[in-house]
Amino acid sequence: MGWFRQAPGQERQFVATTRRNRNVPNY
């Protein structure tokens, strides 16, 4: 699962993810 964000006029940008088989999320 992940979160992304998109501001007007910009591309969709990665924010964070939590992977089912990993205890450490990524930001």
PDB file of all heavy atoms in Angstrom:
ATOM      1  N   MET A   1       0.829  -1.195   0.000  1.00  0.00           N
ATOM      2  CA  MET A   1       0.000   0.000   0.000  1.00  0.00           C
ATOM      3  C   MET A   1       0.869   1.254   0.000  1.00  0.00           C
ATOM      4  O   MET A   1       1.903   1.308   0.671  1.00  0.00           O
ATOM      5  CB  MET A   1      -0.885   0.025   1.245  1.00  0.00           C
ATOM      6  CG  MET A   1      -1.763  -1.193   1.426  1.00  0.00           C
ATOM      7  SD  MET A   1      -3.031  -1.354   0.158  1.00  0.00           S
ATOM      8  CE  MET A   1      -4.002   0.124   0.462  1.00  0.00           C
ATOM      9  N   GLY A   2       0.411   2.265  -0.724  1.00  0.00           N
ATOM     10  CA  GLY A   2       1.193   3.494  -0.782  1.00  0.00           C
ATOM     11  C   GLY A   2       0.327   4.735  -0.740  1.00  0.00           C
ATOM     12  O   GLY A   2      -0.886   4.676  -0.955  1.00  0.00           O
ATOM     13  N   TRP A   3       0.964   5.854  -0.431  1.00  0.00           N
ATOM     14  CA  TRP A   3       0.360   7.178  -0.539  1.00  0.00           C
ATOM     15  C   TRP A   3       1.163   7.985  -1.548  1.00  0.00           C
ATOM     16  O   TRP A   3       2.402   7.983  -1.509  1.00  0.00           O
ATOM     17  CB  TRP A   3       0.372   7.902   0.802  1.00  0.00           C
ATOM     18  CG  TRP A   3      -0.646   7.416   1.789  1.00  0.00           C
ATOM     19  CD1 TRP A   3      -0.447   6.524   2.809  1.00  0.00           C
ATOM     20  CD2 TRP A   3      -2.029   7.802   1.874  1.00  0.00           C
ATOM     21  NE1 TRP A   3      -1.618   6.331   3.509  1.00  0.00           N
ATOM     22  CE2 TRP A   3      -2.599   7.106   2.959  1.00  0.00           C
ATOM     23  CE3 TRP A   3      -2.826   8.661   1.136  1.00  0.00           C
ATOM     24  CZ2 TRP A   3      -3.951   7.256   3.327  1.00  0.00           C
ATOM     25  CZ3 TRP A   3      -4.160   8.807   1.502  1.00  0.00           C
ATOM     26  CH2 TRP A   3      -4.703   8.106   2.579  1.00  0.00           C
ATOM     27  N   PHE A   4       0.434   8.669  -2.409  1.00  0.00           N
ATOM     28  CA  PHE A   4       1.016   9.584  -3.374  1.00  0.00           C
ATOM     29  C   PHE A   4       0.286  10.914  -3.255  1.00  0.00           C
ATOM     30  O   PHE A   4      -0.782  11.002  -2.646  1.00  0.00           O
ATOM     31  CB  PHE A   4       0.866   9.036  -4.798  1.00  0.00           C
ATOM     32  CG  PHE A   4       1.751   7.865  -5.100  1.00  0.00           C
ATOM     33  CD1 PHE A   4       1.463   6.594  -4.612  1.00  0.00           C
ATOM     34  CD2 PHE A   4       2.892   8.018  -5.874  1.00  0.00           C
ATOM     35  CE1 PHE A   4       2.283   5.516  -4.873  1.00  0.00           C
ATOM     36  CE2 PHE A   4       3.717   6.944  -6.157  1.00  0.00           C
ATOM     37  CZ  PHE A   4       3.410   5.694  -5.648  1.00  0.00           C
ATOM     38  N   ARG A   5       0.853  11.946  -3.851  1.00  0.00           N
ATOM     39  CA  ARG A   5       0.168  13.244  -3.866  1.00  0.00           C
ATOM     40  C   ARG A   5       0.422  13.931  -5.196  1.00  0.00           C
ATOM     41  O   ARG A   5       1.418  13.659  -5.879  1.00  0.00           O
ATOM     42  CB  ARG A   5       0.635  14.122  -2.706  1.00  0.00           C
ATOM     43  CG  ARG A   5       2.092  14.540  -2.754  1.00  0.00           C
ATOM     44  CD  ARG A   5       2.481  15.256  -1.467  1.00  0.00           C
ATOM     45  NE  ARG A   5       3.863  15.723  -1.494  1.00  0.00           N
ATOM     46  CZ  ARG A   5       4.479  16.274  -0.459  1.00  0.00           C
ATOM     47  NH1 ARG A   5       3.822  16.423   0.709  1.00  0.00           N
ATOM     48  NH2 ARG A   5       5.734  16.675  -0.555  1.00  0.00           N
ATOM     49  N   GLN A   6      -0.500  14.813  -5.534  1.00  0.00           N
ATOM     50  CA  GLN A   6      -0.383  15.538  -6.797  1.00  0.00           C
ATOM     51  C   GLN A   6      -0.870  16.955  -6.601  1.00  0.00           C
ATOM     52  O   GLN A   6      -2.036  17.187  -6.233  1.00  0.00           O
ATOM     53  CB  GLN A   6      -1.185  14.846  -7.899  1.00  0.00           C
ATOM     54  CG  GLN A   6      -0.930  15.410  -9.282  1.00  0.00           C
ATOM     55  CD  GLN A   6      -1.476  14.494 -10.366  1.00  0.00           C
ATOM     56  OE1 GLN A   6      -2.319  13.633 -10.128  1.00  0.00           O
ATOM     57  NE2 GLN A   6      -0.970  14.666 -11.592  1.00  0.00           N
ATOM     58  N   ALA A   7       0.032  17.902  -6.837  1.00  0.00           N
ATOM     59  CA  ALA A   7      -0.314  19.316  -6.793  1.00  0.00           C
ATOM     60  C   ALA A   7      -0.694  19.771  -8.198  1.00  0.00           C
ATOM     61  O   ALA A   7      -0.300  19.149  -9.192  1.00  0.00           O
ATOM     62  CB  ALA A   7       0.871  20.114  -6.267  1.00  0.00           C
ATOM     63  N   PRO A   8      -1.442  20.863  -8.318  1.00  0.00           N
ATOM     64  CA  PRO A   8      -1.857  21.345  -9.640  1.00  0.00           C
ATOM     65  C   PRO A   8      -0.661  21.575 -10.561  1.00  0.00           C
ATOM     66  O   PRO A   8       0.329  22.209 -10.168  1.00  0.00           O
ATOM     67  CB  PRO A   8      -2.563  22.662  -9.326  1.00  0.00           C
ATOM     68  CG  PRO A   8      -3.073  22.494  -7.936  1.00  0.00           C
ATOM     69  CD  PRO A   8      -2.033  21.672  -7.239  1.00  0.00           C
ATOM     70  N   GLY A   9      -0.749  21.041 -11.757  1.00  0.00           N
ATOM     71  CA  GLY A   9       0.300  21.232 -12.740  1.00  0.00           C
ATOM     72  C   GLY A   9       1.536  20.383 -12.537  1.00  0.00           C
ATOM     73  O   GLY A   9       2.516  20.533 -13.277  1.00  0.00           O
ATOM     74  N   GLN A  10       1.491  19.505 -11.548  1.00  0.00           N
ATOM     75  CA  GLN A  10       2.653  18.661 -11.271  1.00  0.00           C
ATOM     76  C   GLN A  10       2.304  17.183 -11.446  1.00  0.00           C
ATOM     77  O   GLN A  10       1.150  16.795 -11.439  1.00  0.00           O
ATOM     78  CB  GLN A  10       3.152  18.904  -9.847  1.00  0.00           C
ATOM     79  CG  GLN A  10       3.663  20.318  -9.611  1.00  0.00           C
ATOM     80  CD  GLN A  10       4.302  20.480  -8.245  1.00  0.00           C
ATOM     81  OE1 GLN A  10       4.664  19.509  -7.589  1.00  0.00           O
ATOM     82  NE2 GLN A  10       4.448  21.725  -7.819  1.00  0.00           N
ATOM     83  N   GLU A  11       3.351  16.376 -11.593  1.00  0.00           N
ATOM     84  CA  GLU A  11       3.160  14.932 -11.700  1.00  0.00           C
ATOM     85  C   GLU A  11       2.845  14.339 -10.325  1.00  0.00           C
ATOM     86  O   GLU A  11       3.138  14.939  -9.288  1.00  0.00           O
ATOM     87  CB  GLU A  11       4.417  14.279 -12.272  1.00  0.00           C
ATOM     88  CG  GLU A  11       4.708  14.676 -13.706  1.00  0.00           C
ATOM     89  CD  GLU A  11       5.887  13.914 -14.281  1.00  0.00           C
ATOM     90  OE1 GLU A  11       6.577  13.218 -13.519  1.00  0.00           O
ATOM     91  OE2 GLU A  11       6.112  14.010 -15.503  1.00  0.00           O
ATOM     92  N   ARG A  12       2.247  13.162 -10.367  1.00  0.00           N
ATOM     93  CA  ARG A  12       1.953  12.458  -9.123  1.00  0.00           C
ATOM     94  C   ARG A  12       3.279  12.076  -8.456  1.00  0.00           C
ATOM     95  O   ARG A  12       4.189  11.552  -9.094  1.00  0.00           O
ATOM     96  CB  ARG A  12       1.102  11.236  -9.398  1.00  0.00           C
ATOM     97  CG  ARG A  12       0.453  10.661  -8.172  1.00  0.00           C
ATOM     98  CD  ARG A  12      -0.718   9.775  -8.529  1.00  0.00           C
ATOM     99  NE  ARG A  12      -1.817  10.552  -9.118  1.00  0.00           N
ATOM    100  CZ  ARG A  12      -3.029  10.055  -9.324  1.00  0.00           C
ATOM    101  NH1 ARG A  12      -3.310   8.790  -8.993  1.00  0.00           N
ATOM    102  NH2 ARG A  12      -3.968  10.802  -9.863  1.00  0.00           N
ATOM    103  N   GLN A  13       3.363  12.337  -7.155  1.00  0.00           N
ATOM    104  CA  GLN A  13       4.613  12.227  -6.410  1.00  0.00           C
ATOM    105  C   GLN A  13       4.470  11.206  -5.288  1.00  0.00           C
ATOM    106  O   GLN A  13       3.473  11.213  -4.553  1.00  0.00           O
ATOM    107  CB  GLN A  13       4.959  13.606  -5.840  1.00  0.00           C
ATOM    108  CG  GLN A  13       6.209  13.690  -5.002  1.00  0.00           C
ATOM    109  CD  GLN A  13       6.348  15.061  -4.353  1.00  0.00           C
ATOM    110  OE1 GLN A  13       5.421  15.578  -3.740  1.00  0.00           O
ATOM    111  NE2 GLN A  13       7.537  15.650  -4.494  1.00  0.00           N
ATOM    112  N   PHE A  14       5.462  10.362  -5.148  1.00  0.00           N
ATOM    113  CA  PHE A  14       5.485   9.369  -4.080  1.00  0.00           C
ATOM    114  C   PHE A  14       5.591  10.043  -2.719  1.00  0.00           C
ATOM    115  O   PHE A  14       6.355  11.009  -2.548  1.00  0.00           O
ATOM    116  CB  PHE A  14       6.667   8.434  -4.289  1.00  0.00           C
ATOM    117  CG  PHE A  14       6.953   7.516  -3.132  1.00  0.00           C
ATOM    118  CD1 PHE A  14       6.106   6.458  -2.851  1.00  0.00           C
ATOM    119  CD2 PHE A  14       8.068   7.716  -2.332  1.00  0.00           C
ATOM    120  CE1 PHE A  14       6.379   5.608  -1.786  1.00  0.00           C
ATOM    121  CE2 PHE A  14       8.348   6.879  -1.284  1.00  0.00           C
ATOM    122  CZ  PHE A  14       7.502   5.820  -1.002  1.00  0.00           C
ATOM    123  N   VAL A  15       4.860   9.519  -1.742  1.00  0.00           N
ATOM    124  CA  VAL A  15       4.936  10.018  -0.369  1.00  0.00           C
ATOM    125  C   VAL A  15       5.471   8.933   0.562  1.00  0.00           C
ATOM    126  O   VAL A  15       6.456   9.129   1.261  1.00  0.00           O
ATOM    127  CB  VAL A  15       3.559  10.506   0.123  1.00  0.00           C
ATOM    128  CG1 VAL A  15       3.632  10.911   1.589  1.00  0.00           C
ATOM    129  CG2 VAL A  15       3.053  11.660  -0.740  1.00  0.00           C
ATOM    130  N   ALA A  16       4.793   7.776   0.577  1.00  0.00           N
ATOM    131  CA  ALA A  16       5.191   6.721   1.511  1.00  0.00           C
ATOM    132  C   ALA A  16       4.586   5.396   1.068  1.00  0.00           C
ATOM    133  O   ALA A  16       3.590   5.366   0.343  1.00  0.00           O
ATOM    134  CB  ALA A  16       4.723   7.045   2.928  1.00  0.00           C
ATOM    135  N   THR A  17       5.199   4.308   1.530  1.00  0.00           N
ATOM    136  CA  THR A  17       4.650   3.000   1.247  1.00  0.00           C
ATOM    137  C   THR A  17       4.853   2.065   2.423  1.00  0.00           C
ATOM    138  O   THR A  17       5.821   2.203   3.183  1.00  0.00           O
ATOM    139  CB  THR A  17       5.279   2.391  -0.022  1.00  0.00           C
ATOM    140  OG1 THR A  17       4.555   1.214  -0.387  1.00  0.00           O
ATOM    141  CG2 THR A  17       6.710   1.985   0.235  1.00  0.00           C
ATOM    142  N   THR A  18       3.932   1.135   2.582  1.00  0.00           N
ATOM    143  CA  THR A  18       4.071   0.049   3.533  1.00  0.00           C
ATOM    144  C   THR A  18       3.853  -1.256   2.778  1.00  0.00           C
ATOM    145  O   THR A  18       2.799  -1.476   2.188  1.00  0.00           O
ATOM    146  CB  THR A  18       3.072   0.200   4.707  1.00  0.00           C
ATOM    147  OG1 THR A  18       3.089  -0.999   5.481  1.00  0.00           O
ATOM    148  CG2 THR A  18       1.648   0.473   4.250  1.00  0.00           C
ATOM    149  N   ARG A  19       4.895  -2.063   2.793  1.00  0.00           N
ATOM    150  CA  ARG A  19       4.831  -3.331   2.062  1.00  0.00           C
ATOM    151  C   ARG A  19       4.474  -4.451   3.020  1.00  0.00           C
ATOM    152  O   ARG A  19       4.923  -4.481   4.177  1.00  0.00           O
ATOM    153  CB  ARG A  19       6.181  -3.595   1.375  1.00  0.00           C
ATOM    154  CG  ARG A  19       6.461  -2.632   0.226  1.00  0.00           C
ATOM    155  CD  ARG A  19       7.797  -2.936  -0.427  1.00  0.00           C
ATOM    156  NE  ARG A  19       8.902  -2.480   0.380  1.00  0.00           N
ATOM    157  CZ  ARG A  19      10.168  -2.801   0.153  1.00  0.00           C
ATOM    158  NH1 ARG A  19      10.465  -3.606  -0.852  1.00  0.00           N
ATOM    159  NH2 ARG A  19      11.130  -2.318   0.915  1.00  0.00           N
ATOM    160  N   ARG A  20       3.676  -5.397   2.534  1.00  0.00           N
ATOM    161  CA  ARG A  20       3.109  -6.409   3.423  1.00  0.00           C
ATOM    162  C   ARG A  20       4.163  -7.299   4.049  1.00  0.00           C
ATOM    163  O   ARG A  20       3.964  -7.815   5.139  1.00  0.00           O
ATOM    164  CB  ARG A  20       2.081  -7.263   2.656  1.00  0.00           C
ATOM    165  CG  ARG A  20       2.667  -8.400   1.851  1.00  0.00           C
ATOM    166  CD  ARG A  20       1.822  -8.810   0.691  1.00  0.00           C
ATOM    167  NE  ARG A  20       2.013  -7.945  -0.453  1.00  0.00           N
ATOM    168  CZ  ARG A  20       1.629  -8.248  -1.677  1.00  0.00           C
ATOM    169  NH1 ARG A  20       0.988  -9.368  -1.896  1.00  0.00           N
ATOM    170  NH2 ARG A  20       1.840  -7.426  -2.667  1.00  0.00           N
ATOM    171  N   ASN A  21       5.300  -7.483   3.389  1.00  0.00           N
ATOM    172  CA  ASN A  21       6.332  -8.389   3.889  1.00  0.00           C
ATOM    173  C   ASN A  21       7.552  -7.667   4.439  1.00  0.00           C
ATOM    174  O   ASN A  21       8.611  -8.280   4.611  1.00  0.00           O
ATOM    175  CB  ASN A  21       6.760  -9.344   2.769  1.00  0.00           C
ATOM    176  CG  ASN A  21       5.621 -10.259   2.366  1.00  0.00           C
ATOM    177  OD1 ASN A  21       4.836 -10.708   3.202  1.00  0.00           O
ATOM    178  ND2 ASN A  21       5.516 -10.534   1.080  1.00  0.00           N
ATOM    179  N   ARG A  22       7.389  -6.365   4.674  1.00  0.00           N
ATOM    180  CA  ARG A  22       8.508  -5.581   5.207  1.00  0.00           C
ATOM    181  C   ARG A  22       8.026  -4.793   6.420  1.00  0.00           C
ATOM    182  O   ARG A  22       6.983  -4.156   6.377  1.00  0.00           O
ATOM    183  CB  ARG A  22       9.034  -4.602   4.155  1.00  0.00           C
ATOM    184  CG  ARG A  22       9.637  -5.277   2.931  1.00  0.00           C
ATOM    185  CD  ARG A  22      10.957  -5.945   3.252  1.00  0.00           C
ATOM    186  NE  ARG A  22      11.609  -6.463   2.044  1.00  0.00           N
ATOM    187  CZ  ARG A  22      11.432  -7.674   1.563  1.00  0.00           C
ATOM    188  NH1 ARG A  22      10.629  -8.516   2.198  1.00  0.00           N
ATOM    189  NH2 ARG A  22      12.047  -8.049   0.456  1.00  0.00           N
ATOM    190  N   ASN A  23       8.767  -4.818   7.492  1.00  0.00           N
ATOM    191  CA  ASN A  23       8.383  -4.098   8.701  1.00  0.00           C
ATOM    192  C   ASN A  23       8.727  -2.624   8.624  1.00  0.00           C
ATOM    193  O   ASN A  23       8.175  -1.819   9.374  1.00  0.00           O
ATOM    194  CB  ASN A  23       9.053  -4.710   9.929  1.00  0.00           C
ATOM    195  CG  ASN A  23       8.500  -6.086  10.250  1.00  0.00           C
ATOM    196  OD1 ASN A  23       7.320  -6.353  10.022  1.00  0.00           O
ATOM    197  ND2 ASN A  23       9.341  -6.954  10.782  1.00  0.00           N
ATOM    198  N   VAL A  24       9.650  -2.263   7.752  1.00  0.00           N
ATOM    199  CA  VAL A  24      10.109  -0.877   7.685  1.00  0.00           C
ATOM    200  C   VAL A  24       9.456  -0.186   6.503  1.00  0.00           C
ATOM    201  O   VAL A  24       9.638  -0.594   5.364  1.00  0.00           O
ATOM    202  CB  VAL A  24      11.643  -0.817   7.535  1.00  0.00           C
ATOM    203  CG1 VAL A  24      12.106   0.635   7.431  1.00  0.00           C
ATOM    204  CG2 VAL A  24      12.306  -1.516   8.718  1.00  0.00           C
ATOM    205  N   PRO A  25       8.691   0.880   6.741  1.00  0.00           N
ATOM    206  CA  PRO A  25       8.079   1.602   5.625  1.00  0.00           C
ATOM    207  C   PRO A  25       9.119   2.459   4.896  1.00  0.00           C
ATOM    208  O   PRO A  25      10.253   2.610   5.364  1.00  0.00           O
ATOM    209  CB  PRO A  25       7.032   2.476   6.312  1.00  0.00           C
ATOM    210  CG  PRO A  25       7.548   2.664   7.699  1.00  0.00           C
ATOM    211  CD  PRO A  25       8.304   1.423   8.040  1.00  0.00           C
ATOM    212  N   ASN A  26       8.727   2.989   3.771  1.00  0.00           N
ATOM    213  CA  ASN A  26       9.600   3.838   2.969  1.00  0.00           C
ATOM    214  C   ASN A  26       8.948   5.205   2.761  1.00  0.00           C
ATOM    215  O   ASN A  26       7.727   5.282   2.588  1.00  0.00           O
ATOM    216  CB  ASN A  26       9.876   3.183   1.618  1.00  0.00           C
ATOM    217  CG  ASN A  26      10.441   1.781   1.766  1.00  0.00           C
ATOM    218  OD1 ASN A  26       9.743   0.796   1.567  1.00  0.00           O
ATOM    219  ND2 ASN A  26      11.689   1.693   2.148  1.00  0.00           N
ATOM    220  N   TYR A  27       9.766   6.242   2.771  1.00  0.00           N
ATOM    221  CA  TYR A  27       9.260   7.606   2.667  1.00  0.00           C
ATOM    222  C   TYR A  27      10.040   8.396   1.634  1.00  0.00           C
ATOM    223  O   TYR A  27      11.239   8.178   1.437  1.00  0.00           O
ATOM    224  CB  TYR A  27       9.388   8.330   4.013  1.00  0.00           C
ATOM    225  CG  TYR A  27       8.567   7.721   5.119  1.00  0.00           C
ATOM    226  CD1 TYR A  27       9.140   6.806   6.002  1.00  0.00           C
ATOM    227  CD2 TYR A  27       7.220   8.052   5.285  1.00  0.00           C
ATOM    228  CE1 TYR A  27       8.383   6.236   7.018  1.00  0.00           C
ATOM    229  CE2 TYR A  27       6.468   7.491   6.302  1.00  0.00           C
ATOM    230  CZ  TYR A  27       7.049   6.585   7.160  1.00  0.00           C
ATOM    231  OH  TYR A  27       6.312   6.023   8.161  1.00  0.00           O
TER     232      TYR A  27
END
